[in-house]
């Protein structure tokens, strides 16, 4: 079992990576948390596959879990759904000493983390990610939140988990499209911080993912540690491709593209902006697009996509400050920086190329 220590300003926590960890979840959690009652939050796709194993593991170590299932999909990530979960937790007599287990992909991790942040003014949270995307990205860093009709993750809180349990065996159950979307965030990490990993992704061993997951957790946690609350611009580097990507998700009504697919398109747009504003070489831009294609990620928008709706969503993005765009650009693979020179017109041109 590989253990990664993740440090922040208030406390540190661990991410553990190995096979067959679901059955040991109770044992691992008992080392970190003393409360007896907990809520397991899962969606309708994940609960039938894994909730029984996690429940049994918790019960075997003396915990009293309550399973709360929400509908699969980004549309469950709302303030109303968070409120309903809190009501169910109260009905199950959970209180200040209780904790929340998020069992699922990024949507469940964001939602369960937000519930943990607001329930009884904050209780402990455990992440058990079941997708590559959640393991390498959303389970790390403490950002939690829900969506609104105007945009994604506009209501939320910083609330770090006490523990992240990455059981690589669960990845074998993922449909191909769900599996592939996780590589959008991995490719993003390579573009902004690790040129060597970018080259290695051309020949990655998909049967041995633990080292790759470990490396990506290290990249994200190191960036987060330097700017935990997103104040200096360092953490904003993790948003490469996300300004346009989140707007694409919103414009597609969270149905047309998975998160990683939208981020793939956003990165293609970010590469176009980077070529214009930061001098990203043409061959590197093409290498990024080619690598996205290797993992069957989209690099073009459908002709009938509602592009104007995309721009309606864009101006409400958290990366806009006083009407100015805080846009992440890359001048070379393995490095990125925040630019205030990017205009909406630059983004329009990049989206037009999609």
Protein backbone atom coordinates (compact mmCIF):
# COMPACT_ATOMS: atom_id res chain seq x y z
CA UNK A 1 0.00 0.00 0.00
CA UNK A 2 1.35 3.41 -1.01
CA UNK A 3 0.66 6.25 1.41
CA UNK A 4 0.99 9.90 0.46
CA UNK A 5 1.05 12.57 3.17
CA UNK A 6 -0.84 15.68 2.11
CA UNK A 7 -0.23 18.80 4.17
CA UNK A 8 -2.24 22.00 4.48
CA UNK A 9 -2.33 24.94 6.84
CA UNK A 10 -4.66 23.32 9.38
CA UNK A 11 -3.80 19.64 9.38
CA UNK A 12 -2.43 16.86 7.23
CA UNK A 13 -4.16 13.82 5.82
CA UNK A 14 -3.23 10.75 3.86
CA UNK A 15 -4.15 9.28 0.50
CA UNK A 16 -3.66 5.52 0.41
CA UNK A 17 -3.38 3.66 -2.90
CA UNK A 18 -3.59 -0.12 -3.34
CA UNK A 19 -5.77 -3.00 -4.49
CA UNK A 20 -8.59 -4.44 -2.38
CA UNK A 21 -8.98 -1.42 -0.10
CA UNK A 22 -12.79 -1.27 -0.07
CA UNK A 23 -13.00 -4.27 2.24
CA UNK A 24 -10.47 -2.59 4.55
CA UNK A 25 -12.20 0.79 4.54
CA UNK A 26 -13.51 0.43 8.09
CA UNK A 27 -10.08 -0.49 9.41
CA UNK A 28 -8.42 2.42 7.60
CA UNK A 29 -11.05 4.93 8.72
CA UNK A 30 -10.91 3.72 12.34
CA UNK A 31 -7.25 4.76 12.46
CA UNK A 32 -8.26 8.37 11.73
CA UNK A 33 -11.80 8.90 13.07
CA UNK A 34 -13.39 8.08 16.42
CA UNK A 35 -17.07 8.98 15.87
CA UNK A 36 -19.40 5.99 15.51
CA UNK A 37 -22.19 7.20 13.20
CA UNK A 38 -21.61 8.13 9.59
CA UNK A 39 -23.35 8.73 6.29
CA UNK A 40 -22.15 7.01 3.13
CA UNK A 41 -23.11 9.17 0.16
CA UNK A 42 -23.10 7.38 -3.20
CA UNK A 43 -24.93 7.69 -6.49
CA UNK A 44 -27.24 5.23 -8.23
CA UNK A 45 -24.41 3.89 -10.39
CA UNK A 46 -21.86 3.30 -7.64
CA UNK A 47 -24.06 2.23 -4.72
CA UNK A 48 -25.09 -1.13 -6.27
CA UNK A 49 -21.46 -1.95 -7.03
CA UNK A 50 -19.59 -0.97 -3.88
CA UNK A 51 -21.83 0.29 -1.06
CA UNK A 52 -22.32 -3.16 0.52
CA UNK A 53 -18.58 -3.76 0.79
CA UNK A 54 -17.91 -0.38 2.35
CA UNK A 55 -20.88 -0.76 4.70
CA UNK A 56 -19.69 -4.18 5.86
CA UNK A 57 -16.17 -2.86 6.38
CA UNK A 58 -17.49 -0.02 8.52
CA UNK A 59 -19.84 -2.22 10.54
CA UNK A 60 -17.08 -4.76 11.18
CA UNK A 61 -15.03 -2.07 12.92
CA UNK A 62 -17.88 -0.75 15.05
CA UNK A 63 -19.24 2.09 12.93
CA UNK A 64 -22.96 2.64 12.32
CA UNK A 65 -23.32 3.75 8.69
CA UNK A 66 -26.39 5.15 6.95
CA UNK A 67 -26.37 4.84 3.15
CA UNK A 68 -27.76 7.85 1.28
CA UNK A 69 -28.09 7.43 -2.49
CA UNK A 70 -28.52 10.26 -4.98
CA UNK A 71 -29.24 10.14 -8.70
CA UNK A 72 -26.12 9.73 -10.85
CA UNK A 73 -25.03 12.75 -12.84
CA UNK A 74 -23.99 16.36 -12.40
CA UNK A 75 -27.60 17.48 -11.95
CA UNK A 76 -27.53 16.04 -8.41
CA UNK A 77 -24.79 18.49 -7.43
CA UNK A 78 -27.13 21.21 -6.17
CA UNK A 79 -27.81 23.17 -3.01
CA UNK A 80 -31.24 21.53 -2.80
CA UNK A 81 -29.73 18.04 -2.94
CA UNK A 82 -27.20 18.96 -0.25
CA UNK A 83 -30.06 20.15 1.95
CA UNK A 84 -32.00 16.93 1.41
CA UNK A 85 -28.95 14.88 2.42
CA UNK A 86 -28.54 16.94 5.59
CA UNK A 87 -32.20 16.35 6.47
CA UNK A 88 -31.73 12.60 6.02
CA UNK A 89 -28.62 12.67 8.19
CA UNK A 90 -30.53 14.45 10.92
CA UNK A 91 -33.40 11.94 10.64
CA UNK A 92 -30.83 9.15 11.10
CA UNK A 93 -29.68 10.90 14.30
CA UNK A 94 -26.26 11.87 13.00
CA UNK A 95 -24.66 14.78 14.86
CA UNK A 96 -21.47 16.73 15.52
CA UNK A 97 -19.39 13.61 16.17
CA UNK A 98 -20.57 11.90 12.99
CA UNK A 99 -18.69 11.88 9.69
CA UNK A 100 -19.40 11.63 5.98
CA UNK A 101 -17.99 9.12 3.49
CA UNK A 102 -18.11 10.12 -0.16
CA UNK A 103 -18.16 6.95 -2.29
CA UNK A 104 -18.09 7.74 -5.98
CA UNK A 105 -16.72 9.98 -8.68
CA UNK A 106 -16.06 13.69 -8.69
CA UNK A 107 -19.70 14.74 -8.41
CA UNK A 108 -20.21 12.65 -5.27
CA UNK A 109 -16.91 13.81 -3.78
CA UNK A 110 -17.79 17.47 -4.32
CA UNK A 111 -21.31 17.01 -2.97
CA UNK A 112 -20.37 14.88 0.04
CA UNK A 113 -17.52 17.22 0.91
CA UNK A 114 -19.85 20.19 0.80
CA UNK A 115 -22.37 18.37 3.01
CA UNK A 116 -19.57 17.57 5.48
CA UNK A 117 -18.55 21.25 5.46
CA UNK A 118 -22.03 22.56 6.33
CA UNK A 119 -23.61 19.77 8.42
CA UNK A 120 -23.61 20.85 12.09
CA UNK A 121 -21.13 23.58 10.99
CA UNK A 122 -18.64 21.01 9.80
CA UNK A 123 -17.94 17.31 10.34
CA UNK A 124 -15.15 15.02 9.18
CA UNK A 125 -15.06 13.74 5.61
CA UNK A 126 -13.57 10.62 4.00
CA UNK A 127 -13.16 10.34 0.23
CA UNK A 128 -13.39 6.94 -1.47
CA UNK A 129 -13.06 7.86 -5.16
CA UNK A 130 -14.24 5.33 -7.74
CA UNK A 131 -12.97 7.02 -10.93
CA UNK A 132 -9.52 7.98 -12.18
CA UNK A 133 -10.63 11.59 -12.41
CA UNK A 134 -11.69 11.68 -8.77
CA UNK A 135 -8.55 9.87 -7.58
CA UNK A 136 -6.10 12.23 -9.28
CA UNK A 137 -8.02 15.47 -8.99
CA UNK A 138 -11.29 16.18 -7.17
CA UNK A 139 -10.57 14.13 -4.02
CA UNK A 140 -7.39 16.14 -3.36
CA UNK A 141 -7.18 19.75 -2.27
CA UNK A 142 -10.25 20.40 -0.14
CA UNK A 143 -12.44 22.23 -2.66
CA UNK A 144 -16.07 21.21 -2.29
CA UNK A 145 -19.16 22.68 -3.87
CA UNK A 146 -22.39 22.53 -5.78
CA UNK A 147 -23.58 24.03 -9.04
CA UNK A 148 -26.16 26.72 -9.71
CA UNK A 149 -28.26 27.49 -12.78
CA UNK A 150 -25.67 30.15 -13.67
CA UNK A 151 -22.46 28.12 -13.37
CA UNK A 152 -20.45 25.29 -11.90
CA UNK A 153 -19.12 25.13 -8.32
CA UNK A 154 -20.30 28.65 -7.51
CA UNK A 155 -21.43 27.66 -4.00
CA UNK A 156 -18.90 25.78 -1.90
CA UNK A 157 -16.36 25.65 0.88
CA UNK A 158 -12.78 24.59 1.54
CA UNK A 159 -13.07 21.40 3.58
CA UNK A 160 -10.22 18.89 3.43
CA UNK A 161 -10.90 15.18 3.94
CA UNK A 162 -9.41 13.24 6.82
CA UNK A 163 -8.48 10.37 4.51
CA UNK A 164 -8.57 9.43 0.82
CA UNK A 165 -8.86 5.72 -0.02
CA UNK A 166 -7.91 4.87 -3.62
CA UNK A 167 -8.76 1.25 -4.41
CA UNK A 168 -7.39 0.78 -7.93
CA UNK A 169 -9.46 -2.40 -8.39
CA UNK A 170 -12.65 -0.35 -8.71
CA UNK A 171 -11.31 1.19 -11.91
CA UNK A 172 -11.79 -2.16 -13.66
CA UNK A 173 -15.56 -1.63 -13.48
CA UNK A 174 -15.52 1.71 -15.31
CA UNK A 175 -17.06 1.97 -18.78
CA UNK A 176 -14.43 2.93 -21.35
CA UNK A 177 -15.73 6.49 -21.75
CA UNK A 178 -15.70 7.07 -17.97
CA UNK A 179 -12.22 5.53 -17.71
CA UNK A 180 -10.83 7.71 -20.50
CA UNK A 181 -12.20 11.00 -19.19
CA UNK A 182 -9.93 10.77 -16.15
CA UNK A 183 -6.90 11.15 -18.39
CA UNK A 184 -7.93 14.71 -19.23
CA UNK A 185 -6.91 15.78 -15.71
CA UNK A 186 -3.75 13.65 -15.89
CA UNK A 187 -2.76 15.29 -19.20
CA UNK A 188 -3.52 18.68 -17.64
CA UNK A 189 -1.14 17.95 -14.75
CA UNK A 190 1.53 16.93 -17.26
CA UNK A 191 1.09 20.13 -19.29
CA UNK A 192 1.36 22.43 -16.30
CA UNK A 193 3.97 20.61 -14.21
CA UNK A 194 5.61 17.47 -15.64
CA UNK A 195 6.97 17.22 -19.18
CA UNK A 196 8.48 13.80 -18.40
CA UNK A 197 5.06 12.42 -17.46
CA UNK A 198 3.60 13.91 -20.63
CA UNK A 199 6.09 11.90 -22.72
CA UNK A 200 5.45 8.75 -20.69
CA UNK A 201 1.69 8.96 -21.24
CA UNK A 202 2.25 7.99 -24.86
CA UNK A 203 3.07 4.47 -23.63
CA UNK A 204 1.37 4.25 -20.22
CA UNK A 205 0.63 0.77 -18.82
CA UNK A 206 -3.12 0.85 -18.19
CA UNK A 207 -2.83 -2.32 -16.12
CA UNK A 208 -0.53 -0.65 -13.59
CA UNK A 209 -2.13 2.65 -12.66
CA UNK A 210 -1.08 3.04 -9.02
CA UNK A 211 2.24 4.82 -9.78
CA UNK A 212 0.48 7.19 -12.18
CA UNK A 213 -2.20 7.99 -9.62
CA UNK A 214 0.50 8.58 -7.00
CA UNK A 215 2.41 10.98 -9.26
CA UNK A 216 -0.72 12.99 -10.04
CA UNK A 217 -1.70 13.26 -6.39
CA UNK A 218 1.81 14.55 -5.66
CA UNK A 219 1.56 17.17 -8.40
CA UNK A 220 -1.81 18.47 -7.27
CA UNK A 221 -1.08 18.39 -3.53
CA UNK A 222 2.22 20.23 -4.02
CA UNK A 223 0.50 23.02 -5.95
CA UNK A 224 -2.34 23.22 -3.41
CA UNK A 225 0.14 23.41 -0.51
CA UNK A 226 1.65 26.56 -2.02
CA UNK A 227 -1.74 28.29 -2.38
CA UNK A 228 -4.34 26.41 -0.37
CA UNK A 229 -7.10 29.02 -0.57
CA UNK A 230 -6.51 30.12 -4.17
CA UNK A 231 -5.23 33.58 -3.24
CA UNK A 232 -1.82 33.97 -4.90
CA UNK A 233 -2.57 32.50 -8.32
CA UNK A 234 -0.41 29.39 -7.82
CA UNK A 235 -3.39 27.08 -7.33
CA UNK A 236 -5.10 28.65 -10.33
CA UNK A 237 -2.63 26.76 -12.55
CA UNK A 238 -4.79 23.70 -11.91
CA UNK A 239 -7.50 25.47 -13.91
CA UNK A 240 -5.70 25.01 -17.23
CA UNK A 241 -8.51 24.21 -19.68
CA UNK A 242 -11.20 24.71 -17.06
CA UNK A 243 -12.35 28.24 -17.91
CA UNK A 244 -13.72 27.11 -21.26
CA UNK A 245 -14.28 23.52 -20.09
CA UNK A 246 -16.72 24.44 -17.31
CA UNK A 247 -18.60 26.73 -19.70
CA UNK A 248 -18.90 23.86 -22.19
CA UNK A 249 -20.34 21.62 -19.47
CA UNK A 250 -22.86 24.30 -18.56
CA UNK A 251 -23.81 25.05 -22.18
CA UNK A 252 -24.29 21.33 -22.80
CA UNK A 253 -26.64 21.18 -19.80
CA UNK A 254 -24.22 18.75 -18.06
CA UNK A 255 -25.48 16.04 -20.42
CA UNK A 256 -23.55 16.37 -23.67
CA UNK A 257 -20.05 15.98 -22.24
CA UNK A 258 -18.53 14.31 -19.19
CA UNK A 259 -16.34 16.59 -17.08
CA UNK A 260 -13.08 15.24 -18.49
CA UNK A 261 -14.40 15.51 -22.04
CA UNK A 262 -15.31 19.17 -21.51
CA UNK A 263 -11.88 19.80 -19.97
CA UNK A 264 -10.26 18.16 -23.01
CA UNK A 265 -12.04 20.66 -25.25
CA UNK A 266 -11.13 23.46 -22.85
CA UNK A 267 -7.46 22.47 -23.03
CA UNK A 268 -7.52 22.55 -26.82
CA UNK A 269 -8.89 26.10 -26.56
CA UNK A 270 -6.30 26.95 -23.89
CA UNK A 271 -3.57 25.71 -26.22
CA UNK A 272 -4.81 28.05 -28.96
CA UNK A 273 -4.75 30.95 -26.52
CA UNK A 274 -1.32 29.84 -25.27
CA UNK A 275 0.06 29.78 -28.80
CA UNK A 276 -1.12 33.36 -29.32
CA UNK A 277 -0.34 34.84 -25.91
CA UNK A 278 2.49 32.71 -24.47
CA UNK A 279 4.32 31.34 -27.50
CA UNK A 280 3.39 27.67 -27.09
CA UNK A 281 5.18 26.03 -30.06
CA UNK A 282 3.00 24.58 -32.81
CA UNK A 283 4.51 21.09 -32.47
CA UNK A 284 3.77 21.02 -28.72
CA UNK A 285 0.22 22.23 -29.32
CA UNK A 286 -0.23 19.40 -31.83
CA UNK A 287 1.34 16.89 -29.41
CA UNK A 288 -1.22 17.83 -26.75
CA UNK A 289 -4.13 17.40 -29.17
CA UNK A 290 -2.70 14.08 -30.37
CA UNK A 291 -2.37 12.79 -26.78
CA UNK A 292 -5.97 13.73 -26.01
CA UNK A 293 -6.99 11.72 -29.09
CA UNK A 294 -5.00 8.70 -27.81
CA UNK A 295 -7.46 8.55 -24.90
CA UNK A 296 -10.44 9.10 -27.23
CA UNK A 297 -11.13 12.52 -25.74
CA UNK A 298 -12.92 15.11 -27.88
CA UNK A 299 -10.92 17.90 -29.51
CA UNK A 300 -13.74 19.44 -31.60
CA UNK A 301 -17.17 20.76 -30.69
CA UNK A 302 -20.17 19.48 -32.65
CA UNK A 303 -21.22 21.97 -35.37
CA UNK A 304 -24.60 22.56 -33.72
CA UNK A 305 -23.22 23.18 -30.22
CA UNK A 306 -24.76 26.33 -28.62
CA UNK A 307 -21.57 28.40 -28.53
CA UNK A 308 -23.25 31.64 -27.45
CA UNK A 309 -24.67 29.81 -24.44
CA UNK A 310 -21.07 28.88 -23.64
CA UNK A 311 -20.12 32.57 -23.44
CA UNK A 312 -23.16 33.35 -21.31
CA UNK A 313 -21.79 30.85 -18.76
CA UNK A 314 -18.19 32.01 -19.13
CA UNK A 315 -18.65 35.47 -17.61
CA UNK A 316 -19.92 33.96 -14.35
CA UNK A 317 -16.85 31.75 -13.97
CA UNK A 318 -14.93 32.23 -10.71
CA UNK A 319 -11.77 32.88 -12.72
CA UNK A 320 -13.13 36.27 -13.83
CA UNK A 321 -12.22 39.13 -11.50
CA UNK A 322 -13.68 42.61 -11.98
CA UNK A 323 -14.61 41.64 -15.53
CA UNK A 324 -11.05 40.52 -16.38
CA UNK A 325 -10.07 37.00 -17.31
CA UNK A 326 -7.56 35.12 -15.14
CA UNK A 327 -6.56 32.64 -17.83
CA UNK A 328 -3.95 29.89 -17.45
CA UNK A 329 -1.57 29.60 -20.39
CA UNK A 330 1.41 27.38 -21.13
CA UNK A 331 4.53 28.49 -22.98
CA UNK A 332 5.95 24.97 -23.03
CA UNK A 333 4.78 21.51 -21.93
CA UNK A 334 5.63 21.11 -18.24
CA UNK A 335 5.06 24.74 -17.29
CA UNK A 336 2.15 27.17 -17.00
CA UNK A 337 1.38 30.62 -15.65
CA UNK A 338 -1.56 32.90 -15.03
CA UNK A 339 -2.13 35.66 -17.57
CA UNK A 340 -4.22 38.81 -17.33
CA UNK A 341 -3.58 39.67 -20.99
CA UNK A 342 -6.17 37.26 -22.37
CA UNK A 343 -9.34 38.91 -23.64
CA UNK A 344 -12.80 37.53 -24.28
CA UNK A 345 -12.07 37.98 -27.96
CA UNK A 346 -9.02 35.72 -27.64
CA UNK A 347 -11.25 33.08 -26.06
CA UNK A 348 -13.87 33.55 -28.79
CA UNK A 349 -11.23 32.93 -31.46
CA UNK A 350 -10.04 29.79 -29.66
CA UNK A 351 -13.58 28.45 -29.29
CA UNK A 352 -14.24 29.18 -32.97
CA UNK A 353 -11.32 26.86 -33.79
CA UNK A 354 -13.06 24.08 -31.88
